[in-house]
Amino acid sequence: MDEYRLASITLAEAGFCGGDPEKTALMPVDLAVDVLAFLQFRAEQAETLQELNKPKP
């Protein structure tokens, strides 16, 4: 699977364009890239928060 298709599926899975990968493929490229960067940021933020709030041994 190429990166273009993977990006479309990722955006659709996140609920953009009604969850339709064909519609997300038609999004303006700069918007799609920004949204993908934001989704990555949110995933890293959630992971960091989980790590910081882990009980100390």
PDB file of N, CA and C in Angstrom:
ATOM      1  N   MET A   1       0.857  -1.173   0.000  1.00  0.00           N
ATOM      2  CA  MET A   1       0.000   0.000   0.000  1.00  0.00           C
ATOM      3  C   MET A   1       0.902   1.236   0.000  1.00  0.00           C
ATOM      4  N   ASP A   2       0.599   2.171  -0.885  1.00  0.00           N
ATOM      5  CA  ASP A   2       1.428   3.371  -0.937  1.00  0.00           C
ATOM      6  C   ASP A   2       1.000   4.379   0.134  1.00  0.00           C
ATOM      7  N   GLU A   3       1.843   5.363   0.366  1.00  0.00           N
ATOM      8  CA  GLU A   3       1.607   6.346   1.434  1.00  0.00           C
ATOM      9  C   GLU A   3       0.353   7.170   1.180  1.00  0.00           C
ATOM     10  N   TYR A   4       0.057   7.453  -0.071  1.00  0.00           N
ATOM     11  CA  TYR A   4      -1.133   8.237  -0.424  1.00  0.00           C
ATOM     12  C   TYR A   4      -2.400   7.518   0.010  1.00  0.00           C
ATOM     13  N   ARG A   5      -2.479   6.231  -0.305  1.00  0.00           N
ATOM     14  CA  ARG A   5      -3.653   5.436   0.073  1.00  0.00           C
ATOM     15  C   ARG A   5      -3.728   5.267   1.587  1.00  0.00           C
ATOM     16  N   LEU A   6      -2.598   5.032   2.227  1.00  0.00           N
ATOM     17  CA  LEU A   6      -2.568   4.884   3.675  1.00  0.00           C
ATOM     18  C   LEU A   6      -3.030   6.157   4.370  1.00  0.00           C
ATOM     19  N   ALA A   7      -2.609   7.308   3.854  1.00  0.00           N
ATOM     20  CA  ALA A   7      -3.035   8.586   4.425  1.00  0.00           C
ATOM     21  C   ALA A   7      -4.541   8.755   4.281  1.00  0.00           C
ATOM     22  N   SER A   8      -5.098   8.406   3.127  1.00  0.00           N
ATOM     23  CA  SER A   8      -6.542   8.510   2.914  1.00  0.00           C
ATOM     24  C   SER A   8      -7.311   7.618   3.880  1.00  0.00           C
ATOM     25  N   ILE A   9      -6.826   6.415   4.070  1.00  0.00           N
ATOM     26  CA  ILE A   9      -7.490   5.477   4.991  1.00  0.00           C
ATOM     27  C   ILE A   9      -7.372   5.967   6.428  1.00  0.00           C
ATOM     28  N   THR A  10      -6.208   6.491   6.799  1.00  0.00           N
ATOM     29  CA  THR A  10      -6.004   7.008   8.152  1.00  0.00           C
ATOM     30  C   THR A  10      -6.951   8.164   8.443  1.00  0.00           C
ATOM     31  N   LEU A  11      -7.085   9.087   7.496  1.00  0.00           N
ATOM     32  CA  LEU A  11      -7.992  10.215   7.677  1.00  0.00           C
ATOM     33  C   LEU A  11      -9.440   9.741   7.771  1.00  0.00           C
ATOM     34  N   ALA A  12      -9.806   8.784   6.938  1.00  0.00           N
ATOM     35  CA  ALA A  12     -11.169   8.253   6.971  1.00  0.00           C
ATOM     36  C   ALA A  12     -11.438   7.548   8.295  1.00  0.00           C
ATOM     37  N   GLU A  13     -10.469   6.783   8.781  1.00  0.00           N
ATOM     38  CA  GLU A  13     -10.626   6.075  10.050  1.00  0.00           C
ATOM     39  C   GLU A  13     -10.831   7.066  11.202  1.00  0.00           C
ATOM     40  N   ALA A  14     -10.199   8.229  11.094  1.00  0.00           N
ATOM     41  CA  ALA A  14     -10.337   9.255  12.128  1.00  0.00           C
ATOM     42  C   ALA A  14     -11.665   9.995  12.014  1.00  0.00           C
ATOM     43  N   GLY A  15     -12.447   9.675  10.976  1.00  0.00           N
ATOM     44  CA  GLY A  15     -13.775  10.250  10.851  1.00  0.00           C
ATOM     45  C   GLY A  15     -13.903  11.413   9.891  1.00  0.00           C
ATOM     46  N   PHE A  16     -12.829  11.753   9.219  1.00  0.00           N
ATOM     47  CA  PHE A  16     -12.893  12.869   8.286  1.00  0.00           C
ATOM     48  C   PHE A  16     -13.657  12.460   7.032  1.00  0.00           C
ATOM     49  N   CYS A  17     -14.347  13.411   6.444  1.00  0.00           N
ATOM     50  CA  CYS A  17     -15.123  13.214   5.211  1.00  0.00           C
ATOM     51  C   CYS A  17     -16.109  12.052   5.348  1.00  0.00           C
ATOM     52  N   GLY A  18     -16.704  11.953   6.506  1.00  0.00           N
ATOM     53  CA  GLY A  18     -17.699  10.911   6.731  1.00  0.00           C
ATOM     54  C   GLY A  18     -17.120   9.511   6.759  1.00  0.00           C
ATOM     55  N   GLY A  19     -15.818   9.401   6.937  1.00  0.00           N
ATOM     56  CA  GLY A  19     -15.173   8.093   6.987  1.00  0.00           C
ATOM     57  C   GLY A  19     -14.972   7.456   5.623  1.00  0.00           C
ATOM     58  N   ASP A  20     -15.083   8.250   4.575  1.00  0.00           N
ATOM     59  CA  ASP A  20     -14.951   7.737   3.209  1.00  0.00           C
ATOM     60  C   ASP A  20     -13.545   8.010   2.675  1.00  0.00           C
ATOM     61  N   PRO A  21     -12.729   6.966   2.494  1.00  0.00           N
ATOM     62  CA  PRO A  21     -11.361   7.169   2.016  1.00  0.00           C
ATOM     63  C   PRO A  21     -11.290   7.832   0.638  1.00  0.00           C
ATOM     64  N   GLU A  22     -12.288   7.597  -0.199  1.00  0.00           N
ATOM     65  CA  GLU A  22     -12.284   8.231  -1.515  1.00  0.00           C
ATOM     66  C   GLU A  22     -12.457   9.741  -1.384  1.00  0.00           C
ATOM     67  N   LYS A  23     -13.257  10.172  -0.419  1.00  0.00           N
ATOM     68  CA  LYS A  23     -13.445  11.607  -0.204  1.00  0.00           C
ATOM     69  C   LYS A  23     -12.219  12.230   0.460  1.00  0.00           C
ATOM     70  N   THR A  24     -11.600  11.505   1.390  1.00  0.00           N
ATOM     71  CA  THR A  24     -10.408  12.064   2.031  1.00  0.00           C
ATOM     72  C   THR A  24      -9.280  12.211   1.016  1.00  0.00           C
ATOM     73  N   ALA A  25      -9.267  11.352  -0.014  1.00  0.00           N
ATOM     74  CA  ALA A  25      -8.241  11.442  -1.054  1.00  0.00           C
ATOM     75  C   ALA A  25      -8.394  12.733  -1.860  1.00  0.00           C
ATOM     76  N   LEU A  26      -9.566  13.332  -1.814  1.00  0.00           N
ATOM     77  CA  LEU A  26      -9.812  14.569  -2.554  1.00  0.00           C
ATOM     78  C   LEU A  26      -9.570  15.825  -1.721  1.00  0.00           C
ATOM     79  N   MET A  27      -9.193  15.651  -0.447  1.00  0.00           N
ATOM     80  CA  MET A  27      -8.914  16.805   0.407  1.00  0.00           C
ATOM     81  C   MET A  27      -7.709  17.573  -0.143  1.00  0.00           C
ATOM     82  N   PRO A  28      -7.667  18.887   0.066  1.00  0.00           N
ATOM     83  CA  PRO A  28      -6.455  19.628  -0.307  1.00  0.00           C
ATOM     84  C   PRO A  28      -5.238  19.037   0.415  1.00  0.00           C
ATOM     85  N   VAL A  29      -4.150  18.912  -0.295  1.00  0.00           N
ATOM     86  CA  VAL A  29      -2.965  18.241   0.245  1.00  0.00           C
ATOM     87  C   VAL A  29      -2.457  18.913   1.514  1.00  0.00           C
ATOM     88  N   ASP A  30      -2.416  20.247   1.544  1.00  0.00           N
ATOM     89  CA  ASP A  30      -1.892  20.920   2.733  1.00  0.00           C
ATOM     90  C   ASP A  30      -2.775  20.640   3.948  1.00  0.00           C
ATOM     91  N   LEU A  31      -4.078  20.565   3.770  1.00  0.00           N
ATOM     92  CA  LEU A  31      -4.977  20.252   4.880  1.00  0.00           C
ATOM     93  C   LEU A  31      -4.776  18.814   5.347  1.00  0.00           C
ATOM     94  N   ALA A  32      -4.676  17.892   4.401  1.00  0.00           N
ATOM     95  CA  ALA A  32      -4.484  16.486   4.764  1.00  0.00           C
ATOM     96  C   ALA A  32      -3.183  16.295   5.543  1.00  0.00           C
ATOM     97  N   VAL A  33      -2.114  16.936   5.091  1.00  0.00           N
ATOM     98  CA  VAL A  33      -0.817  16.817   5.782  1.00  0.00           C
ATOM     99  C   VAL A  33      -0.906  17.411   7.188  1.00  0.00           C
ATOM    100  N   ASP A  34      -1.557  18.553   7.321  1.00  0.00           N
ATOM    101  CA  ASP A  34      -1.717  19.176   8.640  1.00  0.00           C
ATOM    102  C   ASP A  34      -2.529  18.289   9.576  1.00  0.00           C
ATOM    103  N   VAL A  35      -3.591  17.706   9.073  1.00  0.00           N
ATOM    104  CA  VAL A  35      -4.434  16.831   9.903  1.00  0.00           C
ATOM    105  C   VAL A  35      -3.652  15.596  10.319  1.00  0.00           C
ATOM    106  N   LEU A  36      -2.906  15.009   9.404  1.00  0.00           N
ATOM    107  CA  LEU A  36      -2.095  13.838   9.755  1.00  0.00           C
ATOM    108  C   LEU A  36      -1.051  14.186  10.816  1.00  0.00           C
ATOM    109  N   ALA A  37      -0.445  15.364  10.708  1.00  0.00           N
ATOM    110  CA  ALA A  37       0.524  15.801  11.720  1.00  0.00           C
ATOM    111  C   ALA A  37      -0.164  15.991  13.068  1.00  0.00           C
ATOM    112  N   PHE A  38      -1.362  16.548  13.036  1.00  0.00           N
ATOM    113  CA  PHE A  38      -2.113  16.742  14.278  1.00  0.00           C
ATOM    114  C   PHE A  38      -2.489  15.400  14.907  1.00  0.00           C
ATOM    115  N   LEU A  39      -2.924  14.440  14.105  1.00  0.00           N
ATOM    116  CA  LEU A  39      -3.260  13.117  14.635  1.00  0.00           C
ATOM    117  C   LEU A  39      -2.039  12.452  15.260  1.00  0.00           C
ATOM    118  N   GLN A  40      -0.880  12.616  14.630  1.00  0.00           N
ATOM    119  CA  GLN A  40       0.356  12.062  15.191  1.00  0.00           C
ATOM    120  C   GLN A  40       0.705  12.743  16.513  1.00  0.00           C
ATOM    121  N   PHE A  41       0.549  14.062  16.545  1.00  0.00           N
ATOM    122  CA  PHE A  41       0.803  14.811  17.777  1.00  0.00           C
ATOM    123  C   PHE A  41      -0.096  14.312  18.901  1.00  0.00           C
ATOM    124  N   ARG A  42      -1.396  14.130  18.610  1.00  0.00           N
ATOM    125  CA  ARG A  42      -2.337  13.676  19.631  1.00  0.00           C
ATOM    126  C   ARG A  42      -1.980  12.282  20.143  1.00  0.00           C
ATOM    127  N   ALA A  43      -1.543  11.399  19.256  1.00  0.00           N
ATOM    128  CA  ALA A  43      -1.147  10.050  19.661  1.00  0.00           C
ATOM    129  C   ALA A  43       0.078  10.099  20.570  1.00  0.00           C
ATOM    130  N   GLU A  44       1.053  10.924  20.204  1.00  0.00           N
ATOM    131  CA  GLU A  44       2.257  11.064  21.031  1.00  0.00           C
ATOM    132  C   GLU A  44       1.920  11.717  22.367  1.00  0.00           C
ATOM    133  N   GLN A  45       1.017  12.681  22.367  1.00  0.00           N
ATOM    134  CA  GLN A  45       0.603  13.345  23.595  1.00  0.00           C
ATOM    135  C   GLN A  45      -0.071  12.347  24.536  1.00  0.00           C
ATOM    136  N   ALA A  46      -0.955  11.510  24.004  1.00  0.00           N
ATOM    137  CA  ALA A  46      -1.643  10.521  24.824  1.00  0.00           C
ATOM    138  C   ALA A  46      -0.649   9.526  25.417  1.00  0.00           C
ATOM    139  N   GLU A  47       0.320   9.108  24.613  1.00  0.00           N
ATOM    140  CA  GLU A  47       1.336   8.176  25.088  1.00  0.00           C
ATOM    141  C   GLU A  47       2.185   8.814  26.193  1.00  0.00           C
ATOM    142  N   THR A  48       2.554  10.070  26.009  1.00  0.00           N
ATOM    143  CA  THR A  48       3.355  10.775  27.013  1.00  0.00           C
ATOM    144  C   THR A  48       2.581  10.933  28.314  1.00  0.00           C
ATOM    145  N   LEU A  49       1.319  11.326  28.210  1.00  0.00           N
ATOM    146  CA  LEU A  49       0.499  11.484  29.415  1.00  0.00           C
ATOM    147  C   LEU A  49       0.352  10.164  30.159  1.00  0.00           C
ATOM    148  N   GLN A  50       0.164   9.091  29.409  1.00  0.00           N
ATOM    149  CA  GLN A  50       0.043   7.776  30.038  1.00  0.00           C
ATOM    150  C   GLN A  50       1.337   7.415  30.766  1.00  0.00           C
ATOM    151  N   GLU A  51       2.453   7.690  30.129  1.00  0.00           N
ATOM    152  CA  GLU A  51       3.750   7.383  30.734  1.00  0.00           C
ATOM    153  C   GLU A  51       3.997   8.234  31.981  1.00  0.00           C
ATOM    154  N   LEU A  52       3.660   9.518  31.908  1.00  0.00           N
ATOM    155  CA  LEU A  52       3.864  10.401  33.049  1.00  0.00           C
ATOM    156  C   LEU A  52       2.957  10.064  34.237  1.00  0.00           C
ATOM    157  N   ASN A  53       1.808   9.505  33.965  1.00  0.00           N
ATOM    158  CA  ASN A  53       0.861   9.196  35.034  1.00  0.00           C
ATOM    159  C   ASN A  53       0.928   7.761  35.521  1.00  0.00           C
ATOM    160  N   LYS A  54       1.926   7.027  35.048  1.00  0.00           N
ATOM    161  CA  LYS A  54       2.128   5.670  35.501  1.00  0.00           C
ATOM    162  C   LYS A  54       2.507   5.674  36.984  1.00  0.00           C
ATOM    163  N   PRO A  55       1.989   4.709  37.738  1.00  0.00           N
ATOM    164  CA  PRO A  55       2.412   4.634  39.137  1.00  0.00           C
ATOM    165  C   PRO A  55       3.925   4.376  39.224  1.00  0.00           C
ATOM    166  N   LYS A  56       4.534   5.029  40.157  1.00  0.00           N
ATOM    167  CA  LYS A  56       5.978   4.850  40.340  1.00  0.00           C
ATOM    168  C   LYS A  56       6.222   3.549  41.115  1.00  0.00           C
ATOM    169  N   PRO A  57       7.239   2.787  40.674  1.00  0.00           N
ATOM    170  CA  PRO A  57       7.520   1.510  41.374  1.00  0.00           C
ATOM    171  C   PRO A  57       8.075   1.705  42.756  1.00  0.00           C
TER     172      PRO A  57
END
